[in-house]
Amino acid sequence: MPSASVLHSNGDAFDIAVKRGHIVGVRGCAGDRINRGRLDPKDLFGWRGHR
């Protein structure tokens, strides 16, 4: 499921992996013009606090 970071003003793009209605992981979108597939720690691990 494609999404964008709400933690930053530049809106890093990433994909969200969902299993049985729960987020199980994220990864950066390689084709994104802003982050080019890279994610910072907030984007990589911030979703874990919302379980």
PDB file of N, CA and C in Angstrom:
ATOM      1  N   MET A   1       0.849  -1.157   0.000  1.00  0.00           N
ATOM      2  CA  MET A   1       0.000   0.000   0.000  1.00  0.00           C
ATOM      3  C   MET A   1       0.906   1.233   0.000  1.00  0.00           C
ATOM      4  N   PRO A   2       0.864   2.072  -1.010  1.00  0.00           N
ATOM      5  CA  PRO A   2       1.707   3.258  -1.070  1.00  0.00           C
ATOM      6  C   PRO A   2       1.244   4.330  -0.079  1.00  0.00           C
ATOM      7  N   SER A   3       2.203   5.081   0.446  1.00  0.00           N
ATOM      8  CA  SER A   3       1.900   6.154   1.386  1.00  0.00           C
ATOM      9  C   SER A   3       3.026   7.178   1.338  1.00  0.00           C
ATOM     10  N   ALA A   4       2.920   8.205   2.161  1.00  0.00           N
ATOM     11  CA  ALA A   4       3.975   9.212   2.298  1.00  0.00           C
ATOM     12  C   ALA A   4       4.119   9.561   3.761  1.00  0.00           C
ATOM     13  N   SER A   5       5.314   9.918   4.147  1.00  0.00           N
ATOM     14  CA  SER A   5       5.595  10.249   5.539  1.00  0.00           C
ATOM     15  C   SER A   5       4.852  11.512   5.951  1.00  0.00           C
ATOM     16  N   VAL A   6       4.246  11.473   7.112  1.00  0.00           N
ATOM     17  CA  VAL A   6       3.624  12.671   7.675  1.00  0.00           C
ATOM     18  C   VAL A   6       4.521  13.261   8.760  1.00  0.00           C
ATOM     19  N   LEU A   7       5.680  12.635   8.971  1.00  0.00           N
ATOM     20  CA  LEU A   7       6.618  13.101   9.995  1.00  0.00           C
ATOM     21  C   LEU A   7       7.543  14.192   9.472  1.00  0.00           C
ATOM     22  N   HIS A   8       7.557  14.416   8.167  1.00  0.00           N
ATOM     23  CA  HIS A   8       8.446  15.392   7.547  1.00  0.00           C
ATOM     24  C   HIS A   8       7.650  16.248   6.570  1.00  0.00           C
ATOM     25  N   SER A   9       8.159  17.422   6.300  1.00  0.00           N
ATOM     26  CA  SER A   9       7.475  18.296   5.349  1.00  0.00           C
ATOM     27  C   SER A   9       7.725  17.895   3.901  1.00  0.00           C
ATOM     28  N   ASN A  10       8.756  17.052   3.644  1.00  0.00           N
ATOM     29  CA  ASN A  10       9.044  16.695   2.249  1.00  0.00           C
ATOM     30  C   ASN A  10       8.269  15.478   1.764  1.00  0.00           C
ATOM     31  N   GLY A  11       7.595  14.733   2.625  1.00  0.00           N
ATOM     32  CA  GLY A  11       6.720  13.633   2.215  1.00  0.00           C
ATOM     33  C   GLY A  11       7.430  12.460   1.579  1.00  0.00           C
ATOM     34  N   ASP A  12       8.446  11.904   2.245  1.00  0.00           N
ATOM     35  CA  ASP A  12       9.126  10.710   1.734  1.00  0.00           C
ATOM     36  C   ASP A  12       8.106   9.618   1.390  1.00  0.00           C
ATOM     37  N   ALA A  13       8.262   9.019   0.219  1.00  0.00           N
ATOM     38  CA  ALA A  13       7.328   7.974  -0.220  1.00  0.00           C
ATOM     39  C   ALA A  13       7.796   6.609   0.283  1.00  0.00           C
ATOM     40  N   PHE A  14       6.848   5.793   0.718  1.00  0.00           N
ATOM     41  CA  PHE A  14       7.167   4.433   1.114  1.00  0.00           C
ATOM     42  C   PHE A  14       5.967   3.528   0.926  1.00  0.00           C
ATOM     43  N   ASP A  15       6.235   2.238   0.919  1.00  0.00           N
ATOM     44  CA  ASP A  15       5.187   1.223   0.824  1.00  0.00           C
ATOM     45  C   ASP A  15       4.977   0.627   2.203  1.00  0.00           C
ATOM     46  N   ILE A  16       3.722   0.374   2.533  1.00  0.00           N
ATOM     47  CA  ILE A  16       3.364  -0.218   3.823  1.00  0.00           C
ATOM     48  C   ILE A  16       2.917  -1.651   3.578  1.00  0.00           C
ATOM     49  N   ALA A  17       3.515  -2.586   4.317  1.00  0.00           N
ATOM     50  CA  ALA A  17       3.099  -3.995   4.246  1.00  0.00           C
ATOM     51  C   ALA A  17       2.050  -4.230   5.332  1.00  0.00           C
ATOM     52  N   VAL A  18       0.912  -4.784   4.931  1.00  0.00           N
ATOM     53  CA  VAL A  18      -0.191  -5.023   5.862  1.00  0.00           C
ATOM     54  C   VAL A  18      -0.542  -6.501   5.850  1.00  0.00           C
ATOM     55  N   LYS A  19      -0.734  -7.052   7.049  1.00  0.00           N
ATOM     56  CA  LYS A  19      -1.136  -8.447   7.179  1.00  0.00           C
ATOM     57  C   LYS A  19      -2.253  -8.526   8.217  1.00  0.00           C
ATOM     58  N   ARG A  20      -3.370  -9.077   7.809  1.00  0.00           N
ATOM     59  CA  ARG A  20      -4.544  -9.198   8.673  1.00  0.00           C
ATOM     60  C   ARG A  20      -4.936  -7.871   9.331  1.00  0.00           C
ATOM     61  N   GLY A  21      -4.854  -6.806   8.556  1.00  0.00           N
ATOM     62  CA  GLY A  21      -5.284  -5.497   9.024  1.00  0.00           C
ATOM     63  C   GLY A  21      -4.282  -4.746   9.888  1.00  0.00           C
ATOM     64  N   HIS A  22      -3.044  -5.249   9.999  1.00  0.00           N
ATOM     65  CA  HIS A  22      -2.028  -4.609  10.821  1.00  0.00           C
ATOM     66  C   HIS A  22      -0.768  -4.349  10.000  1.00  0.00           C
ATOM     67  N   ILE A  23      -0.112  -3.228  10.280  1.00  0.00           N
ATOM     68  CA  ILE A  23       1.146  -2.921   9.609  1.00  0.00           C
ATOM     69  C   ILE A  23       2.212  -3.895  10.097  1.00  0.00           C
ATOM     70  N   VAL A  24       2.936  -4.497   9.150  1.00  0.00           N
ATOM     71  CA  VAL A  24       3.999  -5.436   9.509  1.00  0.00           C
ATOM     72  C   VAL A  24       5.367  -4.978   8.997  1.00  0.00           C
ATOM     73  N   GLY A  25       5.420  -3.878   8.255  1.00  0.00           N
ATOM     74  CA  GLY A  25       6.692  -3.367   7.776  1.00  0.00           C
ATOM     75  C   GLY A  25       6.519  -2.232   6.789  1.00  0.00           C
ATOM     76  N   VAL A  26       7.607  -1.544   6.512  1.00  0.00           N
ATOM     77  CA  VAL A  26       7.621  -0.462   5.522  1.00  0.00           C
ATOM     78  C   VAL A  26       8.920  -0.548   4.728  1.00  0.00           C
ATOM     79  N   ARG A  27       8.889   0.020   3.524  1.00  0.00           N
ATOM     80  CA  ARG A  27      10.106   0.126   2.724  1.00  0.00           C
ATOM     81  C   ARG A  27       9.990   1.373   1.860  1.00  0.00           C
ATOM     82  N   GLY A  28      11.120   1.970   1.551  1.00  0.00           N
ATOM     83  CA  GLY A  28      11.139   3.162   0.725  1.00  0.00           C
ATOM     84  C   GLY A  28      10.859   2.828  -0.729  1.00  0.00           C
ATOM     85  N   CYS A  29      10.301   3.764  -1.450  1.00  0.00           N
ATOM     86  CA  CYS A  29      10.022   3.600  -2.885  1.00  0.00           C
ATOM     87  C   CYS A  29      11.249   4.061  -3.675  1.00  0.00           C
ATOM     88  N   ALA A  30      11.874   3.133  -4.390  1.00  0.00           N
ATOM     89  CA  ALA A  30      13.101   3.426  -5.132  1.00  0.00           C
ATOM     90  C   ALA A  30      12.906   4.523  -6.170  1.00  0.00           C
ATOM     91  N   GLY A  31      11.730   4.633  -6.749  1.00  0.00           N
ATOM     92  CA  GLY A  31      11.473   5.624  -7.783  1.00  0.00           C
ATOM     93  C   GLY A  31      11.091   6.997  -7.271  1.00  0.00           C
ATOM     94  N   ASP A  32      11.041   7.177  -5.957  1.00  0.00           N
ATOM     95  CA  ASP A  32      10.641   8.466  -5.391  1.00  0.00           C
ATOM     96  C   ASP A  32      11.717   9.516  -5.649  1.00  0.00           C
ATOM     97  N   ARG A  33      11.318  10.696  -6.080  1.00  0.00           N
ATOM     98  CA  ARG A  33      12.284  11.741  -6.421  1.00  0.00           C
ATOM     99  C   ARG A  33      12.883  12.417  -5.187  1.00  0.00           C
ATOM    100  N   ILE A  34      12.264  12.266  -4.043  1.00  0.00           N
ATOM    101  CA  ILE A  34      12.769  12.896  -2.819  1.00  0.00           C
ATOM    102  C   ILE A  34      13.750  11.987  -2.087  1.00  0.00           C
ATOM    103  N   ASN A  35      13.306  10.803  -1.712  1.00  0.00           N
ATOM    104  CA  ASN A  35      14.155   9.939  -0.877  1.00  0.00           C
ATOM    105  C   ASN A  35      14.833   8.806  -1.630  1.00  0.00           C
ATOM    106  N   ARG A  36      14.461   8.580  -2.895  1.00  0.00           N
ATOM    107  CA  ARG A  36      15.087   7.555  -3.735  1.00  0.00           C
ATOM    108  C   ARG A  36      15.215   6.197  -3.039  1.00  0.00           C
ATOM    109  N   GLY A  37      14.187   5.832  -2.278  1.00  0.00           N
ATOM    110  CA  GLY A  37      14.169   4.525  -1.624  1.00  0.00           C
ATOM    111  C   GLY A  37      14.751   4.493  -0.228  1.00  0.00           C
ATOM    112  N   ARG A  38      15.357   5.579   0.200  1.00  0.00           N
ATOM    113  CA  ARG A  38      15.949   5.614   1.540  1.00  0.00           C
ATOM    114  C   ARG A  38      14.926   6.133   2.545  1.00  0.00           C
ATOM    115  N   LEU A  39      14.959   5.592   3.746  1.00  0.00           N
ATOM    116  CA  LEU A  39      14.094   6.068   4.819  1.00  0.00           C
ATOM    117  C   LEU A  39      14.939   6.356   6.051  1.00  0.00           C
ATOM    118  N   ASP A  40      14.562   7.387   6.793  1.00  0.00           N
ATOM    119  CA  ASP A  40      15.284   7.673   8.031  1.00  0.00           C
ATOM    120  C   ASP A  40      14.681   6.845   9.172  1.00  0.00           C
ATOM    121  N   PRO A  41      15.283   6.849  10.342  1.00  0.00           N
ATOM    122  CA  PRO A  41      14.787   6.011  11.445  1.00  0.00           C
ATOM    123  C   PRO A  41      13.329   6.255  11.819  1.00  0.00           C
ATOM    124  N   LYS A  42      12.866   7.515  11.743  1.00  0.00           N
ATOM    125  CA  LYS A  42      11.456   7.786  12.077  1.00  0.00           C
ATOM    126  C   LYS A  42      10.516   7.051  11.140  1.00  0.00           C
ATOM    127  N   ASP A  43      10.850   7.052   9.853  1.00  0.00           N
ATOM    128  CA  ASP A  43       9.996   6.370   8.879  1.00  0.00           C
ATOM    129  C   ASP A  43      10.126   4.848   8.989  1.00  0.00           C
ATOM    130  N   LEU A  44      11.341   4.367   9.222  1.00  0.00           N
ATOM    131  CA  LEU A  44      11.565   2.921   9.307  1.00  0.00           C
ATOM    132  C   LEU A  44      10.925   2.288  10.536  1.00  0.00           C
ATOM    133  N   PHE A  45      10.970   2.981  11.667  1.00  0.00           N
ATOM    134  CA  PHE A  45      10.548   2.366  12.923  1.00  0.00           C
ATOM    135  C   PHE A  45       9.383   3.069  13.613  1.00  0.00           C
ATOM    136  N   GLY A  46       8.978   4.230  13.151  1.00  0.00           N
ATOM    137  CA  GLY A  46       7.902   4.980  13.795  1.00  0.00           C
ATOM    138  C   GLY A  46       6.569   4.251  13.819  1.00  0.00           C
ATOM    139  N   TRP A  47       6.306   3.430  12.811  1.00  0.00           N
ATOM    140  CA  TRP A  47       5.039   2.700  12.733  1.00  0.00           C
ATOM    141  C   TRP A  47       4.906   1.697  13.877  1.00  0.00           C
ATOM    142  N   ARG A  48       6.001   1.243  14.449  1.00  0.00           N
ATOM    143  CA  ARG A  48       5.945   0.236  15.518  1.00  0.00           C
ATOM    144  C   ARG A  48       5.258   0.771  16.770  1.00  0.00           C
ATOM    145  N   GLY A  49       5.288   2.064  16.952  1.00  0.00           N
ATOM    146  CA  GLY A  49       4.620   2.664  18.110  1.00  0.00           C
ATOM    147  C   GLY A  49       3.114   2.732  17.964  1.00  0.00           C
ATOM    148  N   HIS A  50       2.586   2.388  16.797  1.00  0.00           N
ATOM    149  CA  HIS A  50       1.150   2.501  16.529  1.00  0.00           C
ATOM    150  C   HIS A  50       0.482   1.149  16.407  1.00  0.00           C
ATOM    151  N   ARG A  51       1.043   0.163  17.023  1.00  0.00           N
ATOM    152  CA  ARG A  51       0.458  -1.190  16.953  1.00  0.00           C
ATOM    153  C   ARG A  51      -0.775  -1.282  17.806  1.00  0.00           C
TER     154      ARG A  51
END
